[in-house]
Amino acid sequence: MTSRECIGPGGLAGLQNRDGGASGVFGGFDSHTLPPFRTVVLAVLFALCSGWGGAVAAQADSAASIYRNAPVSPMGAFFRSLTVPGWAQAKLDRRLTGGIFLAFEGLALGMSIKADRELAYLKDRGEPDEVLDGKRQEREDWITLVVFNHLFAALDGFVGSHLYDFPDELKIRAAPSGLGAVVTIPVRFR
């Protein structure tokens, strides 16, 4: 056999264990080829002491600089939109999204107030409990939508602050074979 021949799933012939091992099967992983644990620990300590660990610190600094570029921190955006849906989105230059959250908030609040007034009117008229229960359920549904709108706006503000520096040039197009999609993500190095 030459070194370029393949031996099935084990890879190239030159990379196989040829002794057969205890099981008599050629190929596979030999744990004795790994460096001893002591060598790995010393190599990691040397890398940290010699300044190779500076790349990790620089990476942490660059992650912190992303938050400095965003007009509001992720938790700040979370609490802003938890207070008033759409506030963080407006601060992050996502005014359409903020407007949608605010408009839905107004709609849901208006409908919950309307359902509350209808419930009071039905009680004054002496309607049966089945009608009152249905109106109470409608009011609770609208109040639930108000709460979820606050929560979704807050989570959207949190994620939007994290992704503030994400490039807008993300494109999705159909693959030539028609079986999948191709995603092109431009990468910037600073």
C-alpha atoms as a PDB file:
ATOM      1  CA  MET A   1       0.000   0.000   0.000  1.00  0.00           C
ATOM      2  CA  THR A   2       1.177   3.531  -0.698  1.00  0.00           C
ATOM      3  CA  SER A   3       0.641   6.401   1.699  1.00  0.00           C
ATOM      4  CA  ARG A   4      -2.030   7.878  -0.598  1.00  0.00           C
ATOM      5  CA  GLU A   5      -4.365   4.885  -0.507  1.00  0.00           C
ATOM      6  CA  CYS A   6      -7.412   5.041   1.712  1.00  0.00           C
ATOM      7  CA  ILE A   7      -8.341   2.307   4.143  1.00  0.00           C
ATOM      8  CA  GLY A   8     -12.057   3.013   4.471  1.00  0.00           C
ATOM      9  CA  PRO A   9     -13.315   5.267   7.216  1.00  0.00           C
ATOM     10  CA  GLY A  10      -9.996   5.318   9.091  1.00  0.00           C
ATOM     11  CA  GLY A  11      -8.343   7.859   6.763  1.00  0.00           C
ATOM     12  CA  LEU A  12      -5.071   7.720   4.895  1.00  0.00           C
ATOM     13  CA  ALA A  13      -2.924   4.631   5.279  1.00  0.00           C
ATOM     14  CA  GLY A  14       0.044   6.626   6.584  1.00  0.00           C
ATOM     15  CA  LEU A  15      -2.047   7.878   9.506  1.00  0.00           C
ATOM     16  CA  GLN A  16      -3.239   4.479  10.712  1.00  0.00           C
ATOM     17  CA  ASN A  17      -1.941   2.503  13.665  1.00  0.00           C
ATOM     18  CA  ARG A  18      -0.324  -0.567  12.144  1.00  0.00           C
ATOM     19  CA  ASP A  19       0.154  -2.766  15.184  1.00  0.00           C
ATOM     20  CA  GLY A  20      -3.437  -3.968  15.294  1.00  0.00           C
ATOM     21  CA  GLY A  21      -3.806  -3.431  19.037  1.00  0.00           C
ATOM     22  CA  ALA A  22      -5.397  -5.916  21.410  1.00  0.00           C
ATOM     23  CA  SER A  23      -8.533  -6.216  19.324  1.00  0.00           C
ATOM     24  CA  GLY A  24      -6.653  -6.934  16.124  1.00  0.00           C
ATOM     25  CA  VAL A  25      -8.349  -4.012  14.343  1.00  0.00           C
ATOM     26  CA  PHE A  26      -6.200  -1.525  12.476  1.00  0.00           C
ATOM     27  CA  GLY A  27      -6.736   2.228  12.770  1.00  0.00           C
ATOM     28  CA  GLY A  28      -8.413   4.345  15.388  1.00  0.00           C
ATOM     29  CA  PHE A  29      -7.270   6.642  18.150  1.00  0.00           C
ATOM     30  CA  ASP A  30      -4.230   5.967  20.308  1.00  0.00           C
ATOM     31  CA  SER A  31      -4.336   7.898  23.604  1.00  0.00           C
ATOM     32  CA  HIS A  32      -0.622   7.287  24.191  1.00  0.00           C
ATOM     33  CA  THR A  33       0.205   9.770  21.411  1.00  0.00           C
ATOM     34  CA  LEU A  34      -1.146  12.678  23.488  1.00  0.00           C
ATOM     35  CA  PRO A  35       1.368  14.727  25.494  1.00  0.00           C
ATOM     36  CA  PRO A  36       1.390  14.080  29.230  1.00  0.00           C
ATOM     37  CA  PHE A  37      -0.922  16.212  31.371  1.00  0.00           C
ATOM     38  CA  ARG A  38       2.068  17.970  32.961  1.00  0.00           C
ATOM     39  CA  THR A  39       3.279  19.167  29.531  1.00  0.00           C
ATOM     40  CA  VAL A  40      -0.138  20.606  28.662  1.00  0.00           C
ATOM     41  CA  VAL A  41      -0.363  22.482  31.977  1.00  0.00           C
ATOM     42  CA  LEU A  42       3.158  23.910  31.560  1.00  0.00           C
ATOM     43  CA  ALA A  43       2.372  25.012  27.991  1.00  0.00           C
ATOM     44  CA  VAL A  44      -0.788  26.826  29.137  1.00  0.00           C
ATOM     45  CA  LEU A  45       1.082  28.530  31.999  1.00  0.00           C
ATOM     46  CA  PHE A  46       3.869  29.586  29.619  1.00  0.00           C
ATOM     47  CA  ALA A  47       1.330  31.025  27.165  1.00  0.00           C
ATOM     48  CA  LEU A  48      -0.390  33.029  29.908  1.00  0.00           C
ATOM     49  CA  CYS A  49       2.856  34.327  31.416  1.00  0.00           C
ATOM     50  CA  SER A  50       4.496  35.205  28.097  1.00  0.00           C
ATOM     51  CA  GLY A  51       1.703  37.520  26.940  1.00  0.00           C
ATOM     52  CA  TRP A  52      -0.218  35.214  24.618  1.00  0.00           C
ATOM     53  CA  GLY A  53      -3.094  35.664  27.024  1.00  0.00           C
ATOM     54  CA  GLY A  54      -3.212  39.320  25.954  1.00  0.00           C
ATOM     55  CA  ALA A  55      -5.299  38.275  22.975  1.00  0.00           C
ATOM     56  CA  VAL A  56      -8.017  37.091  25.357  1.00  0.00           C
ATOM     57  CA  ALA A  57      -7.900  40.386  27.253  1.00  0.00           C
ATOM     58  CA  ALA A  58      -8.017  42.336  23.967  1.00  0.00           C
ATOM     59  CA  GLN A  59     -11.015  40.296  22.892  1.00  0.00           C
ATOM     60  CA  ALA A  60     -12.787  41.112  26.180  1.00  0.00           C
ATOM     61  CA  ASP A  61     -11.943  44.801  25.707  1.00  0.00           C
ATOM     62  CA  SER A  62     -13.356  44.760  22.174  1.00  0.00           C
ATOM     63  CA  ALA A  63     -16.566  43.157  23.472  1.00  0.00           C
ATOM     64  CA  ALA A  64     -16.863  45.908  26.071  1.00  0.00           C
ATOM     65  CA  SER A  65     -16.289  48.550  23.384  1.00  0.00           C
ATOM     66  CA  ILE A  66     -19.390  47.320  21.547  1.00  0.00           C
ATOM     67  CA  TYR A  67     -21.497  48.405  24.509  1.00  0.00           C
ATOM     68  CA  ARG A  68     -19.808  51.803  24.497  1.00  0.00           C
ATOM     69  CA  ASN A  69     -20.878  52.271  20.878  1.00  0.00           C
ATOM     70  CA  ALA A  70     -24.534  51.524  21.598  1.00  0.00           C
ATOM     71  CA  PRO A  71     -26.461  54.518  22.935  1.00  0.00           C
ATOM     72  CA  VAL A  72     -27.873  52.418  25.775  1.00  0.00           C
ATOM     73  CA  SER A  73     -26.606  49.329  27.618  1.00  0.00           C
ATOM     74  CA  PRO A  74     -28.496  46.034  27.232  1.00  0.00           C
ATOM     75  CA  MET A  75     -29.988  46.163  30.736  1.00  0.00           C
ATOM     76  CA  GLY A  76     -30.766  49.857  30.319  1.00  0.00           C
ATOM     77  CA  ALA A  77     -32.614  49.039  27.108  1.00  0.00           C
ATOM     78  CA  PHE A  78     -34.439  46.193  28.860  1.00  0.00           C
ATOM     79  CA  PHE A  79     -35.719  48.431  31.669  1.00  0.00           C
ATOM     80  CA  ARG A  80     -36.569  51.323  29.334  1.00  0.00           C
ATOM     81  CA  SER A  81     -38.809  49.148  27.184  1.00  0.00           C
ATOM     82  CA  LEU A  82     -40.204  47.402  30.232  1.00  0.00           C
ATOM     83  CA  THR A  83     -41.321  50.829  31.452  1.00  0.00           C
ATOM     84  CA  VAL A  84     -42.583  52.204  28.110  1.00  0.00           C
ATOM     85  CA  PRO A  85     -42.638  49.776  25.170  1.00  0.00           C
ATOM     86  CA  GLY A  86     -40.689  51.213  22.256  1.00  0.00           C
ATOM     87  CA  TRP A  87     -38.501  53.572  24.298  1.00  0.00           C
ATOM     88  CA  ALA A  88     -35.301  51.518  23.887  1.00  0.00           C
ATOM     89  CA  GLN A  89     -36.081  50.825  20.232  1.00  0.00           C
ATOM     90  CA  ALA A  90     -36.345  54.573  19.581  1.00  0.00           C
ATOM     91  CA  LYS A  91     -33.040  55.097  21.418  1.00  0.00           C
ATOM     92  CA  LEU A  92     -31.410  52.383  19.255  1.00  0.00           C
ATOM     93  CA  ASP A  93     -32.594  53.996  15.975  1.00  0.00           C
ATOM     94  CA  ARG A  94     -35.257  51.319  15.427  1.00  0.00           C
ATOM     95  CA  ARG A  95     -38.185  53.698  15.374  1.00  0.00           C
ATOM     96  CA  LEU A  96     -40.503  51.512  13.271  1.00  0.00           C
ATOM     97  CA  THR A  97     -40.178  48.619  15.724  1.00  0.00           C
ATOM     98  CA  GLY A  98     -40.648  50.982  18.659  1.00  0.00           C
ATOM     99  CA  GLY A  99     -43.707  52.486  16.995  1.00  0.00           C
ATOM    100  CA  ILE A 100     -45.230  49.043  16.474  1.00  0.00           C
ATOM    101  CA  PHE A 101     -44.708  48.147  20.145  1.00  0.00           C
ATOM    102  CA  LEU A 102     -46.164  51.480  21.254  1.00  0.00           C
ATOM    103  CA  ALA A 103     -49.149  51.230  18.886  1.00  0.00           C
ATOM    104  CA  PHE A 104     -49.953  47.701  20.048  1.00  0.00           C
ATOM    105  CA  GLU A 105     -49.658  48.895  23.655  1.00  0.00           C
ATOM    106  CA  GLY A 106     -52.184  51.648  22.967  1.00  0.00           C
ATOM    107  CA  LEU A 107     -54.538  49.229  21.220  1.00  0.00           C
ATOM    108  CA  ALA A 108     -54.347  46.648  24.013  1.00  0.00           C
ATOM    109  CA  LEU A 109     -54.772  49.247  26.759  1.00  0.00           C
ATOM    110  CA  GLY A 110     -57.715  50.801  24.942  1.00  0.00           C
ATOM    111  CA  MET A 111     -59.393  47.441  24.474  1.00  0.00           C
ATOM    112  CA  SER A 112     -58.857  46.454  28.118  1.00  0.00           C
ATOM    113  CA  ILE A 113     -60.430  49.765  29.250  1.00  0.00           C
ATOM    114  CA  LYS A 114     -63.316  49.212  26.818  1.00  0.00           C
ATOM    115  CA  ALA A 115     -63.852  45.669  28.118  1.00  0.00           C
ATOM    116  CA  ASP A 116     -63.768  46.979  31.712  1.00  0.00           C
ATOM    117  CA  ARG A 117     -66.426  49.601  30.958  1.00  0.00           C
ATOM    118  CA  GLU A 118     -68.596  47.036  29.155  1.00  0.00           C
ATOM    119  CA  LEU A 119     -68.275  44.740  32.166  1.00  0.00           C
ATOM    120  CA  ALA A 120     -69.427  47.537  34.496  1.00  0.00           C
ATOM    121  CA  TYR A 121     -72.365  48.274  32.157  1.00  0.00           C
ATOM    122  CA  LEU A 122     -73.375  44.605  32.042  1.00  0.00           C
ATOM    123  CA  LYS A 123     -73.217  44.376  35.864  1.00  0.00           C
ATOM    124  CA  ASP A 124     -75.474  47.452  36.180  1.00  0.00           C
ATOM    125  CA  ARG A 125     -78.003  45.874  33.815  1.00  0.00           C
ATOM    126  CA  GLY A 126     -78.057  42.686  35.867  1.00  0.00           C
ATOM    127  CA  GLU A 127     -76.869  40.341  33.105  1.00  0.00           C
ATOM    128  CA  PRO A 128     -76.431  36.632  33.927  1.00  0.00           C
ATOM    129  CA  ASP A 129     -73.109  35.278  35.194  1.00  0.00           C
ATOM    130  CA  GLU A 130     -72.301  33.554  31.869  1.00  0.00           C
ATOM    131  CA  VAL A 131     -72.246  36.922  30.049  1.00  0.00           C
ATOM    132  CA  LEU A 132     -70.228  38.538  32.847  1.00  0.00           C
ATOM    133  CA  ASP A 133     -67.706  35.676  32.858  1.00  0.00           C
ATOM    134  CA  GLY A 134     -67.169  36.039  29.116  1.00  0.00           C
ATOM    135  CA  LYS A 135     -66.553  39.787  29.452  1.00  0.00           C
ATOM    136  CA  ARG A 136     -64.201  39.207  32.400  1.00  0.00           C
ATOM    137  CA  GLN A 137     -62.258  36.715  30.282  1.00  0.00           C
ATOM    138  CA  GLU A 138     -62.019  39.247  27.447  1.00  0.00           C
ATOM    139  CA  ARG A 139     -60.679  41.905  29.848  1.00  0.00           C
ATOM    140  CA  GLU A 140     -58.109  39.443  31.248  1.00  0.00           C
ATOM    141  CA  ASP A 141     -57.006  38.517  27.728  1.00  0.00           C
ATOM    142  CA  TRP A 142     -56.324  42.159  26.847  1.00  0.00           C
ATOM    143  CA  ILE A 143     -54.460  42.733  30.113  1.00  0.00           C
ATOM    144  CA  THR A 144     -52.351  39.633  29.374  1.00  0.00           C
ATOM    145  CA  LEU A 145     -51.499  41.053  25.954  1.00  0.00           C
ATOM    146  CA  VAL A 146     -50.400  44.324  27.603  1.00  0.00           C
ATOM    147  CA  VAL A 147     -48.070  42.396  29.939  1.00  0.00           C
ATOM    148  CA  PHE A 148     -46.620  40.297  27.111  1.00  0.00           C
ATOM    149  CA  ASN A 149     -46.134  43.395  24.958  1.00  0.00           C
ATOM    150  CA  HIS A 150     -44.080  44.943  27.770  1.00  0.00           C
ATOM    151  CA  LEU A 151     -42.033  41.758  28.120  1.00  0.00           C
ATOM    152  CA  PHE A 152     -41.417  41.313  24.371  1.00  0.00           C
ATOM    153  CA  ALA A 153     -40.488  44.995  23.963  1.00  0.00           C
ATOM    154  CA  ALA A 154     -38.032  44.707  26.858  1.00  0.00           C
ATOM    155  CA  LEU A 155     -36.441  41.549  25.445  1.00  0.00           C
ATOM    156  CA  ASP A 156     -36.271  43.107  21.980  1.00  0.00           C
ATOM    157  CA  GLY A 157     -34.533  46.163  23.456  1.00  0.00           C
ATOM    158  CA  PHE A 158     -32.046  43.941  25.294  1.00  0.00           C
ATOM    159  CA  VAL A 159     -31.189  41.951  22.159  1.00  0.00           C
ATOM    160  CA  GLY A 160     -31.204  45.073  19.988  1.00  0.00           C
ATOM    161  CA  SER A 161     -28.618  46.715  22.245  1.00  0.00           C
ATOM    162  CA  HIS A 162     -26.409  43.632  22.022  1.00  0.00           C
ATOM    163  CA  LEU A 163     -26.706  43.584  18.222  1.00  0.00           C
ATOM    164  CA  TYR A 164     -26.419  47.363  17.767  1.00  0.00           C
ATOM    165  CA  ASP A 165     -23.084  47.078  15.935  1.00  0.00           C
ATOM    166  CA  PHE A 166     -24.175  44.120  13.781  1.00  0.00           C
ATOM    167  CA  PRO A 167     -23.774  44.850  10.046  1.00  0.00           C
ATOM    168  CA  ASP A 168     -26.922  45.656   8.083  1.00  0.00           C
ATOM    169  CA  GLU A 169     -25.657  43.972   4.923  1.00  0.00           C
ATOM    170  CA  LEU A 170     -26.947  40.512   5.888  1.00  0.00           C
ATOM    171  CA  LYS A 171     -28.523  38.939   2.810  1.00  0.00           C
ATOM    172  CA  ILE A 172     -30.327  35.673   2.214  1.00  0.00           C
ATOM    173  CA  ARG A 173     -30.758  34.323  -1.303  1.00  0.00           C
ATOM    174  CA  ALA A 174     -31.868  31.055  -2.851  1.00  0.00           C
ATOM    175  CA  ALA A 175     -29.229  28.402  -3.479  1.00  0.00           C
ATOM    176  CA  PRO A 176     -28.545  27.379  -7.103  1.00  0.00           C
ATOM    177  CA  SER A 177     -29.899  23.877  -6.547  1.00  0.00           C
ATOM    178  CA  GLY A 178     -33.060  25.235  -4.949  1.00  0.00           C
ATOM    179  CA  LEU A 179     -32.725  22.933  -1.927  1.00  0.00           C
ATOM    180  CA  GLY A 180     -31.357  25.411   0.585  1.00  0.00           C
ATOM    181  CA  ALA A 181     -30.361  28.991   1.223  1.00  0.00           C
ATOM    182  CA  VAL A 182     -27.055  30.791   1.103  1.00  0.00           C
ATOM    183  CA  VAL A 183     -26.325  33.377   3.786  1.00  0.00           C
ATOM    184  CA  THR A 184     -23.635  35.980   3.151  1.00  0.00           C
ATOM    185  CA  ILE A 185     -22.320  37.674   6.271  1.00  0.00           C
ATOM    186  CA  PRO A 186     -19.720  40.404   5.737  1.00  0.00           C
ATOM    187  CA  VAL A 187     -16.982  40.492   8.378  1.00  0.00           C
ATOM    188  CA  ARG A 188     -15.190  43.654   9.452  1.00  0.00           C
ATOM    189  CA  PHE A 189     -11.829  43.659  11.185  1.00  0.00           C
ATOM    190  CA  ARG A 190     -10.848  46.721  13.194  1.00  0.00           C
END
